[in-house]
C-alpha atoms as a PDB file:
ATOM      1  CA  MET A   1      19.412 -22.893  29.026  1.00  0.00           C
ATOM      2  CA  GLU A   2      20.531 -23.625  25.464  1.00  0.00           C
ATOM      3  CA  PRO A   3      21.826 -21.679  22.794  1.00  0.00           C
ATOM      4  CA  ILE A   4      19.113 -21.293  19.185  1.00  0.00           C
ATOM      5  CA  SER A   5      20.034 -23.537  16.346  1.00  0.00           C
ATOM      6  CA  GLY A   6      20.778 -21.974  13.326  1.00  0.00           C
ATOM      7  CA  VAL A   7      17.060 -23.957  12.232  1.00  0.00           C
ATOM      8  CA  SER A   8      15.290 -21.930  15.322  1.00  0.00           C
ATOM      9  CA  TYR A   9      17.185 -18.601  14.517  1.00  0.00           C
ATOM     10  CA  ARG A  10      15.975 -18.288  10.937  1.00  0.00           C
ATOM     11  CA  MET A  11      12.789 -19.080  12.529  1.00  0.00           C
ATOM     12  CA  VAL A  12      13.104 -16.346  14.578  1.00  0.00           C
ATOM     13  CA  LEU A  13      14.221 -14.195  11.714  1.00  0.00           C
ATOM     14  CA  MET A  14      10.817 -15.162   9.318  1.00  0.00           C
ATOM     15  CA  VAL A  15       9.170 -14.195  12.394  1.00  0.00           C
ATOM     16  CA  THR A  16      10.908 -10.990  12.610  1.00  0.00           C
ATOM     17  CA  CYS A  17      10.435  -9.880   9.003  1.00  0.00           C
ATOM     18  CA  LEU A  18       7.052 -10.809   9.214  1.00  0.00           C
ATOM     19  CA  VAL A  19       6.098  -8.747  11.739  1.00  0.00           C
ATOM     20  CA  CYS A  20       8.665  -6.101  10.245  1.00  0.00           C
ATOM     21  CA  LEU A  21       6.411  -6.047   6.794  1.00  0.00           C
ATOM     22  CA  GLY A  22       3.240  -5.211   8.444  1.00  0.00           C
ATOM     23  CA  PHE A  23       4.426  -2.749  10.803  1.00  0.00           C
ATOM     24  CA  SER A  24       7.621  -0.993  10.433  1.00  0.00           C
ATOM     25  CA  VAL A  25      10.727  -2.717   7.738  1.00  0.00           C
ATOM     26  CA  GLY A  26      12.634  -0.152   9.300  1.00  0.00           C
ATOM     27  CA  MET A  27      12.573  -1.084  12.825  1.00  0.00           C
ATOM     28  CA  CYS A  28      14.688  -3.999  11.567  1.00  0.00           C
ATOM     29  CA  SER A  29      18.450  -4.337  12.086  1.00  0.00           C
ATOM     30  CA  ASP A  30      19.151  -7.409   9.899  1.00  0.00           C
ATOM     31  CA  ALA A  31      19.843  -6.141   6.522  1.00  0.00           C
ATOM     32  CA  LEU A  32      18.633  -9.201   5.418  1.00  0.00           C
ATOM     33  CA  ILE A  33      15.408  -9.157   6.657  1.00  0.00           C
ATOM     34  CA  LYS A  34      15.663  -5.292   4.717  1.00  0.00           C
ATOM     35  CA  THR A  35      16.008  -6.667   1.894  1.00  0.00           C
ATOM     36  CA  VAL A  36      13.470  -9.496   0.695  1.00  0.00           C
ATOM     37  CA  VAL A  37      11.086 -10.675   2.429  1.00  0.00           C
ATOM     38  CA  SER A  38       8.667 -13.477   0.823  1.00  0.00           C
ATOM     39  CA  ASN A  39       4.587 -13.146   0.628  1.00  0.00           C
ATOM     40  CA  ASP A  40       2.910 -15.881  -1.417  1.00  0.00           C
ATOM     41  CA  ASP A  41       4.223 -15.780  -4.885  1.00  0.00           C
ATOM     42  CA  LEU A  42       5.050 -11.636  -4.084  1.00  0.00           C
ATOM     43  CA  VAL A  43       8.547 -10.848  -3.069  1.00  0.00           C
ATOM     44  CA  TYR A  44       8.257  -7.624  -1.297  1.00  0.00           C
ATOM     45  CA  SER A  45      11.683  -5.476  -1.350  1.00  0.00           C
ATOM     46  CA  THR A  46      11.423  -2.333   1.420  1.00  0.00           C
ATOM     47  CA  LYS A  47      12.916  -0.193  -0.978  1.00  0.00           C
ATOM     48  CA  LEU A  48      10.358  -1.305  -4.016  1.00  0.00           C
ATOM     49  CA  LYS A  49       7.609   0.458  -4.260  1.00  0.00           C
ATOM     50  CA  LEU A  50       4.669  -0.509  -6.981  1.00  0.00           C
ATOM     51  CA  VAL A  51       2.647   1.810  -6.116  1.00  0.00           C
ATOM     52  CA  PRO A  52       3.815   5.667  -6.886  1.00  0.00           C
ATOM     53  CA  THR A  53       3.354   8.569  -4.652  1.00  0.00           C
ATOM     54  CA  ILE A  54       1.407  11.217  -6.689  1.00  0.00           C
ATOM     55  CA  SER A  55       1.864  14.857  -6.244  1.00  0.00           C
ATOM     56  CA  GLY A  56      -0.869  17.424  -6.677  1.00  0.00           C
ATOM     57  CA  SER A  57      -0.059  18.729 -10.205  1.00  0.00           C
ATOM     58  CA  ASP A  58      -0.402  15.045 -11.140  1.00  0.00           C
ATOM     59  CA  TRP A  59      -3.871  14.451 -10.094  1.00  0.00           C
ATOM     60  CA  ASP A  60      -5.772  15.696 -13.221  1.00  0.00           C
ATOM     61  CA  SER A  61      -3.845  13.865 -16.030  1.00  0.00           C
ATOM     62  CA  LEU A  62      -3.559  10.703 -13.816  1.00  0.00           C
ATOM     63  CA  VAL A  63      -6.899  10.116 -11.518  1.00  0.00           C
ATOM     64  CA  MET A  64      -9.387  12.341 -13.366  1.00  0.00           C
ATOM     65  CA  GLN A  65      -8.858  11.732 -16.990  1.00  0.00           C
ATOM     66  CA  SER A  66      -8.186   8.111 -16.274  1.00  0.00           C
ATOM     67  CA  LYS A  67     -10.283   6.014 -18.914  1.00  0.00           C
ATOM     68  CA  VAL A  68      -9.849   2.928 -16.165  1.00  0.00           C
ATOM     69  CA  PRO A  69     -10.266   2.750 -12.574  1.00  0.00           C
ATOM     70  CA  VAL A  70      -8.358   3.821  -9.974  1.00  0.00           C
ATOM     71  CA  MET A  71      -7.410   3.900  -6.563  1.00  0.00           C
ATOM     72  CA  ILE A  72      -5.613   6.205  -4.641  1.00  0.00           C
ATOM     73  CA  LEU A  73      -4.057   5.550  -0.957  1.00  0.00           C
ATOM     74  CA  PHE A  74      -4.420   8.869   1.509  1.00  0.00           C
ATOM     75  CA  ARG A  75      -1.580   8.277   3.694  1.00  0.00           C
ATOM     76  CA  ALA A  76       0.847   9.818   5.773  1.00  0.00           C
ATOM     77  CA  ASP A  77       4.355   8.971   6.352  1.00  0.00           C
ATOM     78  CA  GLY A  78       4.145   8.220  10.490  1.00  0.00           C
ATOM     79  CA  CYS A  79       0.896   6.065   9.927  1.00  0.00           C
ATOM     80  CA  ILE A  80       1.682   2.876  10.437  1.00  0.00           C
ATOM     81  CA  THR A  81      -1.418   1.095   9.351  1.00  0.00           C
ATOM     82  CA  CYS A  82      -0.684   2.857   6.048  1.00  0.00           C
ATOM     83  CA  ARG A  83       1.800   0.876   5.495  1.00  0.00           C
ATOM     84  CA  ALA A  84      -0.154  -2.813   6.417  1.00  0.00           C
ATOM     85  CA  ILE A  85      -2.557  -1.488   2.690  1.00  0.00           C
ATOM     86  CA  ASP A  86       0.793   0.207   0.692  1.00  0.00           C
ATOM     87  CA  VAL A  87       1.668  -3.821   0.847  1.00  0.00           C
ATOM     88  CA  VAL A  88      -1.787  -5.066  -0.181  1.00  0.00           C
ATOM     89  CA  LEU A  89      -1.398  -1.857  -2.843  1.00  0.00           C
ATOM     90  CA  ASP A  90       1.256  -3.244  -4.346  1.00  0.00           C
ATOM     91  CA  GLN A  91      -0.091  -7.063  -5.075  1.00  0.00           C
ATOM     92  CA  MET A  92      -2.990  -5.646  -6.467  1.00  0.00           C
ATOM     93  CA  SER A  93      -0.918  -3.846  -8.547  1.00  0.00           C
ATOM     94  CA  LEU A  94       1.036  -6.779  -9.767  1.00  0.00           C
ATOM     95  CA  GLU A  95      -2.572  -9.123 -10.237  1.00  0.00           C
ATOM     96  CA  TYR A  96      -4.289  -5.980 -12.556  1.00  0.00           C
ATOM     97  CA  ALA A  97      -2.219  -3.918 -14.283  1.00  0.00           C
ATOM     98  CA  ASP A  98      -3.182  -0.476 -16.126  1.00  0.00           C
ATOM     99  CA  ASN A  99      -5.433  -2.084 -18.571  1.00  0.00           C
ATOM    100  CA  VAL A 100      -7.694  -2.834 -15.775  1.00  0.00           C
ATOM    101  CA  PHE A 101      -6.907  -0.550 -12.210  1.00  0.00           C
ATOM    102  CA  LYS A 102      -4.814   2.405 -11.902  1.00  0.00           C
ATOM    103  CA  PHE A 103      -2.811   2.340  -8.044  1.00  0.00           C
ATOM    104  CA  TYR A 104      -1.219   5.469  -6.054  1.00  0.00           C
ATOM    105  CA  ARG A 105      -0.766   6.640  -3.338  1.00  0.00           C
ATOM    106  CA  ILE A 106      -0.498  10.762  -2.056  1.00  0.00           C
ATOM    107  CA  ASP A 107       0.256  12.255   1.159  1.00  0.00           C
ATOM    108  CA  ILE A 108      -1.717  14.032   3.189  1.00  0.00           C
ATOM    109  CA  ASN A 109       0.748  15.830   4.383  1.00  0.00           C
ATOM    110  CA  LYS A 110       2.361  16.552   1.708  1.00  0.00           C
ATOM    111  CA  GLU A 111      -1.487  17.500  -0.599  1.00  0.00           C
ATOM    112  CA  SER A 112      -3.128  18.659   2.204  1.00  0.00           C
ATOM    113  CA  ASP A 113      -5.371  20.525  -0.305  1.00  0.00           C
ATOM    114  CA  ILE A 114      -6.429  17.078  -2.489  1.00  0.00           C
ATOM    115  CA  ALA A 115      -7.161  15.410   0.955  1.00  0.00           C
ATOM    116  CA  ASN A 116      -9.424  18.751   2.239  1.00  0.00           C
ATOM    117  CA  ARG A 117     -11.347  18.318  -1.131  1.00  0.00           C
ATOM    118  CA  TYR A 118     -12.072  15.165  -0.625  1.00  0.00           C
ATOM    119  CA  ALA A 119     -13.066  15.421   2.571  1.00  0.00           C
ATOM    120  CA  VAL A 120     -10.415  12.415   4.104  1.00  0.00           C
ATOM    121  CA  GLN A 121     -10.158  13.156   8.024  1.00  0.00           C
ATOM    122  CA  SER A 122      -7.770  10.381   9.045  1.00  0.00           C
ATOM    123  CA  THR A 123      -5.405   7.758   7.496  1.00  0.00           C
ATOM    124  CA  PRO A 124      -5.305   5.991   5.470  1.00  0.00           C
ATOM    125  CA  THR A 125      -8.128   6.250   3.523  1.00  0.00           C
ATOM    126  CA  THR A 126      -8.500   4.769   0.643  1.00  0.00           C
ATOM    127  CA  LEU A 127     -10.757   6.237  -2.629  1.00  0.00           C
ATOM    128  CA  VAL A 128     -12.185   4.733  -6.073  1.00  0.00           C
ATOM    129  CA  PHE A 129     -12.334   6.970  -8.900  1.00  0.00           C
ATOM    130  CA  ILE A 130     -14.220   5.946 -12.282  1.00  0.00           C
ATOM    131  CA  GLN A 131     -14.029   8.329 -14.636  1.00  0.00           C
ATOM    132  CA  GLY A 132     -13.136  11.412 -12.487  1.00  0.00           C
ATOM    133  CA  ASP A 133     -15.773  10.818  -9.830  1.00  0.00           C
ATOM    134  CA  GLU A 134     -15.552   9.361  -6.747  1.00  0.00           C
ATOM    135  CA  TRP A 135     -17.012   5.579  -6.496  1.00  0.00           C
ATOM    136  CA  ALA A 136     -16.143   4.225  -3.197  1.00  0.00           C
ATOM    137  CA  ARG A 137     -14.559   5.057  -0.372  1.00  0.00           C
ATOM    138  CA  VAL A 138     -12.788   2.677   2.493  1.00  0.00           C
ATOM    139  CA  PRO A 139     -11.478   4.016   5.758  1.00  0.00           C
ATOM    140  CA  GLY A 140      -9.173   2.429   7.993  1.00  0.00           C
ATOM    141  CA  VAL A 141      -7.722  -1.008   7.057  1.00  0.00           C
ATOM    142  CA  ASP A 142     -10.555  -3.090   5.221  1.00  0.00           C
ATOM    143  CA  THR A 143      -8.861  -4.827   2.912  1.00  0.00           C
ATOM    144  CA  ASP A 144     -11.634  -7.699   2.011  1.00  0.00           C
ATOM    145  CA  ARG A 145     -13.007  -4.596   0.573  1.00  0.00           C
ATOM    146  CA  LEU A 146     -10.381  -3.139  -1.336  1.00  0.00           C
ATOM    147  CA  TRP A 147      -9.438  -6.779  -2.996  1.00  0.00           C
ATOM    148  CA  GLU A 148     -13.448  -6.851  -3.373  1.00  0.00           C
ATOM    149  CA  ILE A 149     -13.254  -3.593  -5.515  1.00  0.00           C
ATOM    150  CA  VAL A 150     -11.170  -4.452  -7.474  1.00  0.00           C
ATOM    151  CA  ARG A 151     -12.083  -7.767  -8.578  1.00  0.00           C
ATOM    152  CA  GLU A 152     -15.380  -6.408  -9.486  1.00  0.00           C
ATOM    153  CA  PHE A 153     -13.748  -4.345 -12.581  1.00  0.00           C
ATOM    154  CA  ALA A 154     -11.680  -7.751 -13.485  1.00  0.00           C
END
């Protein structure tokens, strides 16, 4: 069997990048793969998180008192499907800045009181709040529904 040529090797790396991006970027061993992965016009760095993780102490000021709709991803660190939604939320935050929509993450393991208050039983679960009231709930990985919700306000 012939060794893989340089072109084939690059193709293998790109496939690995896309697989890792969707599931667990941390499992990649190549520094280049971990640094930057290009997805259309979005350049996604594994060290870059565009959507901040908030704590319970920030909840009222950032979510309940917000003048614009807020999308919150309830997630857990060990949740592989949550990482797929992370990428989608980062894309949304680039397209729809703070003046149209706000996006946050919250770790249910660290902020279990908030997760219990809103009866979040599984991850990922995404909630949308408008003027402090829960307006929509999207359990699981339904990225089409998330985009549909955000576009309603654009």
